[in-house]
Amino acid sequence: MTLLILAAMAAALLVALVYAALCAASPFGDCRKCGGFGFKVVTDRKGKAKRGKQCRRCRGVGKRVRVGRHLYNVGKRTWSAGTN
């Protein structure tokens, strides 16, 4: 039973380390709302795809800050404000 718990903890630690490396290497990911396009893809009356309105969540950039990178930025900002 304890071996199973240790294996689960090791797997969770490995996943966390891989995600931290991903956030360090690539702090921005695709916007979830527009899929990284920066706009909504709509179809006209003929069924042809065309560019729609600009995405409000990413403001047309198509990228977002990952959750792990956001937490790192908040922690760094708090640490910096507390040590001045």
C-alpha atoms as a PDB file:
ATOM      1  CA  MET A   1       0.000   0.000   0.000  1.00  0.00           C
ATOM      2  CA  THR A   2       2.758   2.454   0.882  1.00  0.00           C
ATOM      3  CA  LEU A   3       4.624   1.568  -2.321  1.00  0.00           C
ATOM      4  CA  LEU A   4       1.561   2.585  -4.321  1.00  0.00           C
ATOM      5  CA  ILE A   5       1.362   5.910  -2.480  1.00  0.00           C
ATOM      6  CA  LEU A   6       5.065   6.560  -3.042  1.00  0.00           C
ATOM      7  CA  ALA A   7       4.702   5.776  -6.742  1.00  0.00           C
ATOM      8  CA  ALA A   8       1.745   8.168  -7.026  1.00  0.00           C
ATOM      9  CA  MET A   9       3.692  10.915  -5.237  1.00  0.00           C
ATOM     10  CA  ALA A  10       6.689  10.358  -7.531  1.00  0.00           C
ATOM     11  CA  ALA A  11       4.445  10.549 -10.595  1.00  0.00           C
ATOM     12  CA  ALA A  12       2.824  13.759  -9.331  1.00  0.00           C
ATOM     13  CA  LEU A  13       6.253  15.283  -8.674  1.00  0.00           C
ATOM     14  CA  LEU A  14       7.397  14.318 -12.173  1.00  0.00           C
ATOM     15  CA  VAL A  15       4.311  15.913 -13.746  1.00  0.00           C
ATOM     16  CA  ALA A  16       4.870  19.091 -11.720  1.00  0.00           C
ATOM     17  CA  LEU A  17       8.526  19.292 -12.771  1.00  0.00           C
ATOM     18  CA  VAL A  18       7.657  18.789 -16.440  1.00  0.00           C
ATOM     19  CA  TYR A  19       4.975  21.502 -16.239  1.00  0.00           C
ATOM     20  CA  ALA A  20       7.426  23.883 -14.530  1.00  0.00           C
ATOM     21  CA  ALA A  21       9.931  23.262 -17.324  1.00  0.00           C
ATOM     22  CA  LEU A  22       7.213  23.904 -19.905  1.00  0.00           C
ATOM     23  CA  CYS A  23       6.271  27.188 -18.224  1.00  0.00           C
ATOM     24  CA  ALA A  24       9.916  28.255 -18.142  1.00  0.00           C
ATOM     25  CA  ALA A  25      10.568  27.340 -21.771  1.00  0.00           C
ATOM     26  CA  SER A  26       7.271  28.572 -23.225  1.00  0.00           C
ATOM     27  CA  PRO A  27       5.415  30.956 -20.869  1.00  0.00           C
ATOM     28  CA  PHE A  28       2.618  31.637 -23.350  1.00  0.00           C
ATOM     29  CA  GLY A  29       0.050  29.184 -24.681  1.00  0.00           C
ATOM     30  CA  ASP A  30      -2.731  29.471 -27.231  1.00  0.00           C
ATOM     31  CA  CYS A  31      -5.880  31.316 -26.179  1.00  0.00           C
ATOM     32  CA  ARG A  32      -8.566  28.810 -25.228  1.00  0.00           C
ATOM     33  CA  LYS A  33     -11.419  30.882 -26.582  1.00  0.00           C
ATOM     34  CA  CYS A  34     -10.168  31.530 -30.129  1.00  0.00           C
ATOM     35  CA  GLY A  35      -7.754  28.610 -30.425  1.00  0.00           C
ATOM     36  CA  GLY A  36      -4.771  30.869 -31.042  1.00  0.00           C
ATOM     37  CA  PHE A  37      -6.226  32.615 -34.097  1.00  0.00           C
ATOM     38  CA  GLY A  38      -6.965  35.942 -32.374  1.00  0.00           C
ATOM     39  CA  PHE A  39     -10.431  36.031 -33.874  1.00  0.00           C
ATOM     40  CA  LYS A  40     -13.523  33.901 -34.120  1.00  0.00           C
ATOM     41  CA  VAL A  41     -13.885  31.909 -37.337  1.00  0.00           C
ATOM     42  CA  VAL A  42     -17.393  32.344 -38.733  1.00  0.00           C
ATOM     43  CA  THR A  43     -19.053  31.205 -41.937  1.00  0.00           C
ATOM     44  CA  ASP A  44     -20.936  33.344 -44.425  1.00  0.00           C
ATOM     45  CA  ARG A  45     -24.257  32.365 -46.001  1.00  0.00           C
ATOM     46  CA  LYS A  46     -22.493  30.227 -48.604  1.00  0.00           C
ATOM     47  CA  GLY A  47     -20.701  28.217 -45.881  1.00  0.00           C
ATOM     48  CA  LYS A  48     -17.309  29.737 -46.636  1.00  0.00           C
ATOM     49  CA  ALA A  49     -15.127  30.363 -43.575  1.00  0.00           C
ATOM     50  CA  LYS A  50     -14.153  33.963 -42.943  1.00  0.00           C
ATOM     51  CA  ARG A  51     -12.609  36.091 -40.230  1.00  0.00           C
ATOM     52  CA  GLY A  52     -15.004  37.164 -37.491  1.00  0.00           C
ATOM     53  CA  LYS A  53     -14.683  39.568 -34.597  1.00  0.00           C
ATOM     54  CA  GLN A  54     -11.484  40.025 -32.643  1.00  0.00           C
ATOM     55  CA  CYS A  55     -11.212  37.799 -29.575  1.00  0.00           C
ATOM     56  CA  ARG A  56     -12.026  39.726 -26.416  1.00  0.00           C
ATOM     57  CA  ARG A  57     -10.109  37.441 -24.068  1.00  0.00           C
ATOM     58  CA  CYS A  58      -6.707  37.756 -25.772  1.00  0.00           C
ATOM     59  CA  ARG A  59      -7.433  41.066 -27.542  1.00  0.00           C
ATOM     60  CA  GLY A  60      -6.568  39.592 -30.915  1.00  0.00           C
ATOM     61  CA  VAL A  61      -3.100  38.346 -29.949  1.00  0.00           C
ATOM     62  CA  GLY A  62      -4.017  34.653 -29.804  1.00  0.00           C
ATOM     63  CA  LYS A  63      -1.802  33.944 -26.778  1.00  0.00           C
ATOM     64  CA  ARG A  64      -2.333  33.727 -23.023  1.00  0.00           C
ATOM     65  CA  VAL A  65      -0.038  33.418 -20.011  1.00  0.00           C
ATOM     66  CA  ARG A  66       0.083  29.871 -18.632  1.00  0.00           C
ATOM     67  CA  VAL A  67      -1.224  29.335 -15.084  1.00  0.00           C
ATOM     68  CA  GLY A  68       2.161  28.210 -13.759  1.00  0.00           C
ATOM     69  CA  ARG A  69       3.923  31.229 -15.232  1.00  0.00           C
ATOM     70  CA  HIS A  70       1.239  33.531 -13.791  1.00  0.00           C
ATOM     71  CA  LEU A  71       1.781  32.054 -10.318  1.00  0.00           C
ATOM     72  CA  TYR A  72       5.555  32.478 -10.723  1.00  0.00           C
ATOM     73  CA  ASN A  73       5.097  36.130 -11.769  1.00  0.00           C
ATOM     74  CA  VAL A  74       2.815  36.833  -8.792  1.00  0.00           C
ATOM     75  CA  GLY A  75       5.253  35.200  -6.371  1.00  0.00           C
ATOM     76  CA  LYS A  76       8.214  37.082  -7.816  1.00  0.00           C
ATOM     77  CA  ARG A  77       6.320  40.388  -7.664  1.00  0.00           C
ATOM     78  CA  THR A  78       5.297  39.731  -4.040  1.00  0.00           C
ATOM     79  CA  TRP A  79       8.854  38.748  -3.065  1.00  0.00           C
ATOM     80  CA  SER A  80      10.256  41.842  -4.729  1.00  0.00           C
ATOM     81  CA  ALA A  81       7.759  44.138  -3.021  1.00  0.00           C
ATOM     82  CA  GLY A  82       8.496  42.602   0.365  1.00  0.00           C
ATOM     83  CA  THR A  83      12.290  42.876   0.154  1.00  0.00           C
ATOM     84  CA  ASN A  84      12.551  46.535  -0.864  1.00  0.00           C
END
